[in-house]
Protein backbone atom coordinates (compact mmCIF):
# COMPACT_ATOMS: atom_id res chain seq x y z
CA MET A 1 -5.85 8.16 48.51
CA ASN A 2 -8.91 10.41 48.28
CA ASP A 3 -11.33 8.59 45.96
CA SER A 4 -13.63 11.63 45.82
CA THR A 5 -11.07 13.61 43.84
CA PRO A 6 -12.00 13.54 40.14
CA PRO A 7 -9.42 11.91 37.83
CA PRO A 8 -7.31 14.25 35.71
CA THR A 9 -8.07 14.93 32.06
CA LEU A 10 -6.64 12.11 29.99
CA ASN A 11 -3.98 13.07 27.44
CA THR A 12 -4.43 11.04 24.25
CA ASN A 13 -2.27 13.09 21.86
CA TRP A 14 0.23 10.24 21.65
CA VAL A 15 -2.38 7.61 20.68
CA ASP A 16 -2.78 6.61 17.03
CA PRO A 17 -6.41 7.34 15.96
CA ILE A 18 -6.79 3.72 14.84
CA HIS A 19 -6.40 2.62 18.48
CA LEU A 20 -8.07 5.57 20.22
CA ASN A 21 -11.55 4.10 20.73
CA ASP A 22 -10.17 0.86 22.16
CA PHE A 23 -7.81 2.81 24.40
CA LEU A 24 -10.56 5.04 25.77
CA GLU A 25 -12.77 2.01 26.39
CA ALA A 26 -9.96 0.22 28.22
CA VAL A 27 -9.18 3.26 30.39
CA GLU A 28 -12.87 3.82 31.17
CA ALA A 29 -12.98 0.31 32.66
CA LEU A 30 -10.28 1.21 35.22
CA PRO A 31 -11.05 2.57 38.71
CA PRO A 32 -11.00 6.40 38.47
CA ALA A 33 -8.63 6.53 41.45
CA HIS A 34 -6.04 4.59 39.45
CA LEU A 35 -5.88 7.34 36.82
CA ARG A 36 -4.47 9.90 39.24
CA SER A 37 -0.74 10.46 39.47
CA PRO A 38 0.83 8.38 42.27
CA THR A 39 2.05 10.31 45.29
CA THR A 40 4.80 9.56 47.78
CA GLN A 41 3.53 7.92 50.97
CA GLU A 42 0.41 6.67 49.22
CA ARG A 43 -0.59 3.51 51.14
CA PHE A 44 -2.09 0.16 50.14
CA ALA A 45 -3.37 -2.84 52.05
CA THR A 46 -1.62 -5.46 49.92
CA GLN A 47 1.28 -5.81 47.52
CA ASP A 48 -1.09 -6.84 44.72
CA ALA A 49 -3.14 -3.67 45.28
CA VAL A 50 0.01 -1.56 44.80
CA GLU A 51 0.96 -3.29 41.57
CA ILE A 52 -2.52 -3.10 40.08
CA ARG A 53 -2.91 0.60 40.91
CA LEU A 54 0.49 1.58 39.51
CA LYS A 55 0.20 -0.57 36.38
CA ASP A 56 -3.27 0.84 35.65
CA TYR A 57 -1.93 4.38 35.91
CA ALA A 58 1.08 3.59 33.72
CA PHE A 59 -1.16 2.07 31.04
CA SER A 60 -3.34 5.18 30.99
CA GLN A 61 -0.21 7.28 30.40
CA GLY A 62 1.26 5.12 27.63
CA PHE A 63 3.89 2.86 29.19
CA PRO A 64 4.01 -0.53 30.94
CA LEU A 65 5.57 -1.09 34.36
CA VAL A 66 7.59 -4.11 35.50
CA LYS A 67 8.45 -5.23 39.00
CA GLN A 68 12.03 -5.57 40.19
CA GLY A 69 13.18 -7.08 43.47
CA GLY A 70 10.90 -8.21 46.27
CA ALA A 71 11.99 -11.84 46.10
CA GLY A 72 11.55 -13.99 49.18
CA THR A 73 10.33 -12.24 52.33
CA THR A 74 11.87 -8.84 51.65
CA GLY A 75 9.47 -5.92 52.06
CA VAL A 76 10.95 -3.73 49.34
CA PHE A 77 10.63 -3.78 45.56
CA THR A 78 10.65 -1.31 42.69
CA MET A 79 8.24 -0.65 39.86
CA LYS A 80 10.13 0.50 36.76
CA CYS A 81 9.31 1.52 33.23
CA ARG A 82 9.46 -1.41 30.84
CA ARG A 83 12.40 0.31 29.08
CA HIS A 84 14.53 0.63 32.20
CA GLY A 85 17.31 -1.67 30.95
CA ALA A 86 20.62 -0.67 29.38
CA GLU A 87 20.03 1.10 26.10
CA THR A 88 19.71 -1.22 23.11
CA LYS A 89 22.04 -0.23 20.29
CA ASN A 90 20.24 0.54 17.06
CA TRP A 91 23.00 0.45 14.47
CA ARG A 92 20.57 0.15 11.54
CA LYS A 93 18.52 3.17 12.72
CA LEU A 94 15.24 1.24 12.58
CA VAL A 95 12.02 2.46 14.18
CA ASP A 96 10.69 0.41 17.08
CA GLU A 97 7.97 -1.24 15.03
CA ASP A 98 10.49 -2.55 12.48
CA ARG A 99 12.91 -3.68 15.15
CA ALA A 100 10.19 -5.83 16.68
CA LYS A 101 9.91 -7.93 13.51
CA ASN A 102 11.71 -11.18 12.79
CA LYS A 103 13.10 -12.16 9.39
CA SER A 104 9.72 -13.40 8.15
CA GLY A 105 8.15 -10.02 8.88
CA ALA A 106 6.10 -11.23 11.85
CA VAL A 107 6.13 -9.18 15.06
CA ARG A 108 8.08 -10.72 17.90
CA GLY A 109 6.15 -10.73 21.13
CA SER A 110 9.10 -10.09 23.45
CA SER A 111 11.06 -7.43 21.59
CA VAL A 112 11.16 -4.18 23.59
CA ARG A 113 13.83 -1.59 22.90
CA GLN A 114 15.60 -0.56 26.08
CA THR A 115 16.52 3.09 26.63
CA ASP A 116 17.76 3.04 30.23
CA CYS A 117 14.58 4.89 31.19
CA PRO A 118 14.87 6.35 34.72
CA TYR A 119 11.16 6.14 35.67
CA SER A 120 11.02 4.34 39.01
CA ILE A 121 8.74 3.98 42.05
CA ARG A 122 9.97 2.35 45.27
CA VAL A 123 7.45 0.22 47.16
CA SER A 124 8.11 -0.83 50.74
CA GLN A 125 6.44 -2.28 53.80
CA TRP A 126 7.74 -0.55 56.90
CA LYS A 127 8.76 -2.62 59.87
CA GLY A 128 5.86 -3.28 62.17
CA GLU A 129 3.28 -2.24 59.55
CA THR A 130 0.99 -4.28 57.35
CA GLN A 131 0.45 -1.58 54.74
CA TRP A 132 2.63 -0.87 51.72
CA ARG A 133 3.87 2.61 50.87
CA ILE A 134 5.25 4.08 47.68
CA LYS A 135 7.98 6.62 47.08
CA LEU A 136 8.37 8.37 43.75
CA THR A 137 12.06 7.94 42.88
CA ASN A 138 11.96 9.32 39.34
CA THR A 139 8.88 10.16 37.25
CA THR A 140 10.54 11.11 33.97
CA HIS A 141 10.95 9.13 30.75
CA ASN A 142 13.65 9.40 28.10
CA HIS A 143 11.64 7.97 25.22
CA PRO A 144 8.39 8.66 23.33
CA PHE A 145 5.38 6.43 23.93
CA ASN A 146 4.31 3.94 21.28
CA PRO A 147 1.19 5.21 19.45
CA ASP A 148 -0.31 1.73 19.86
CA PRO A 149 -1.16 1.49 23.61
CA PHE A 150 -1.50 -2.30 23.31
CA VAL A 151 1.65 -3.13 21.34
CA ASP A 152 3.65 -4.30 24.35
CA PRO A 153 3.03 -7.98 25.24
CA LEU A 154 2.31 -6.91 28.82
CA LEU A 155 -0.57 -4.71 27.65
CA ARG A 156 -2.19 -6.71 24.85
CA SER A 157 -4.77 -8.31 27.14
CA ARG A 158 -6.05 -4.84 28.06
CA ARG A 159 -7.44 -4.26 24.58
CA PRO A 160 -11.23 -4.69 24.53
CA ARG A 161 -12.14 -7.78 22.49
CA ALA A 162 -8.42 -8.46 22.09
CA GLU A 163 -9.00 -11.60 20.05
CA GLU A 164 -11.06 -9.63 17.50
CA ALA A 165 -9.03 -6.44 17.20
CA PRO A 166 -6.65 -6.09 14.25
CA THR A 167 -3.03 -5.37 15.02
CA ARG A 168 -1.43 -2.22 13.66
CA ASN A 169 0.40 -4.34 11.07
CA GLU A 170 -2.83 -6.03 9.98
CA ALA A 171 -4.59 -2.69 9.75
CA SER A 172 -1.68 -1.29 7.77
CA GLN A 173 -1.74 -4.29 5.43
CA GLN A 174 -5.49 -3.88 4.93
CA GLU A 175 -5.04 -0.19 4.18
CA GLN A 176 -2.22 -0.92 1.74
CA ALA A 177 -4.31 -3.63 0.05
CA ALA A 178 -7.22 -1.21 -0.31
CA MET A 179 -4.92 1.46 -1.74
CA ALA A 180 -3.41 -1.07 -4.16
CA ALA A 181 -6.87 -2.18 -5.27
CA ALA A 182 -7.93 1.43 -5.79
CA ALA A 183 -4.76 2.16 -7.77
CA LYS A 184 -5.32 -0.94 -9.91
CA ALA A 185 -8.94 0.06 -10.57
CA ALA A 186 -7.82 3.59 -11.52
CA GLU A 187 -5.16 2.18 -13.86
CA THR A 188 -7.70 -0.16 -15.46
CA GLU A 189 -10.13 2.73 -15.93
CA LYS A 190 -7.36 4.84 -17.44
CA LYS A 191 -6.42 2.09 -19.89
CA GLU A 192 -10.07 1.63 -20.86
CA THR A 193 -10.44 5.37 -21.45
CA VAL A 194 -7.33 5.41 -23.65
CA ARG A 195 -8.61 2.37 -25.56
CA LYS A 196 -11.97 4.04 -26.20
CA GLU A 197 -10.30 7.28 -27.26
CA ARG A 198 -8.05 5.42 -29.69
CA ALA A 199 -10.99 3.44 -31.09
CA ALA A 200 -12.97 6.66 -31.53
CA ALA A 201 -10.01 8.35 -33.25
CA LYS A 202 -9.55 5.33 -35.51
CA LEU A 203 -13.24 5.30 -36.43
CA LYS A 204 -13.17 9.06 -37.10
CA ALA A 205 -10.13 8.69 -39.36
CA LYS A 206 -11.85 5.85 -41.21
CA GLU A 207 -15.01 7.92 -41.68
CA GLU A 208 -12.97 10.91 -42.89
CA LYS A 209 -11.12 8.67 -45.37
CA ARG A 210 -14.44 7.31 -46.62
CA ALA A 211 -15.80 10.84 -46.94
CA ARG A 212 -12.75 11.92 -48.96
CA ALA A 213 -13.10 8.89 -51.22
CA THR A 214 -16.79 9.64 -51.72
CA ALA A 215 -16.03 13.29 -52.50
CA LYS A 216 -13.35 12.26 -54.97
CA GLU A 217 -15.69 9.84 -56.70
CA GLU A 218 -18.38 12.51 -56.94
CA ARG A 219 -15.89 14.95 -58.45
CA ARG A 220 -14.80 12.32 -60.94
CA ARG A 221 -18.37 11.61 -61.95
CA ALA A 222 -19.10 15.31 -62.18
CA GLY A 223 -16.07 15.78 -64.40
CA ARG A 224 -17.16 12.89 -66.65
CA LYS A 225 -20.62 14.39 -67.06
CA THR A 226 -19.12 17.76 -67.89
CA GLY A 227 -16.90 16.17 -70.53
CA GLU A 228 -19.77 14.23 -72.05
CA SER A 229 -21.89 17.38 -72.25
CA GLN A 230 -19.13 19.26 -74.02
CA PHE A 231 -18.66 16.38 -76.44
CA ASP A 232 -22.39 16.31 -77.22
CA ALA A 233 -22.31 20.02 -77.88
CA ILE A 234 -19.47 19.66 -80.35
CA GLU A 235 -21.32 16.93 -82.28
CA LEU A 236 -24.44 19.10 -82.51
CA ASP A 237 -22.42 21.89 -84.00
């Protein structure tokens, strides 16, 4: 692998903005050479070096890799997409995030929907050699990537300050709580406005009634005075 070749531009369109800063920080901590696409016949000194390089690349692209085979002294194993297994039936048409929850609403750590994803890289140690080589068997996926790069249990430890970072569910709950509080405050303000308007209308009606009563009393008094004046005039005559 030519370490002098600059790493490709990172595509982050699939990452939820709430996780973007953590994702970029986690990727920045990886060796730049691990961000380049693997190539057939790429060689490594140890089996661990192969796994680390391929898993780092996969993380930067949005999917976790798992190892298959290689038990005992065999010099061949395969790195496959985490969703390589037989497709999980989704009769209830739930999204992945909902399917990962148990009955209490908590997220299950081991729930990963399988899609029979074909992505696969063969790793082998040729006879008489100490190095390990890779062969790209299939580099396509049949599923979208989760917008939370750390949602898979295999990737959670890659999140910077993992013990401090809120999960997507926690962040969603916080957002919903904030929205509920804002809605409650708006409703309270609306009720207070209506109460004040009603009180003002009631006071206005009371003042208008008082004004009418005062006007009526003044007219009555004026009428009495007019009658008394006419009576006095008649007596003088």
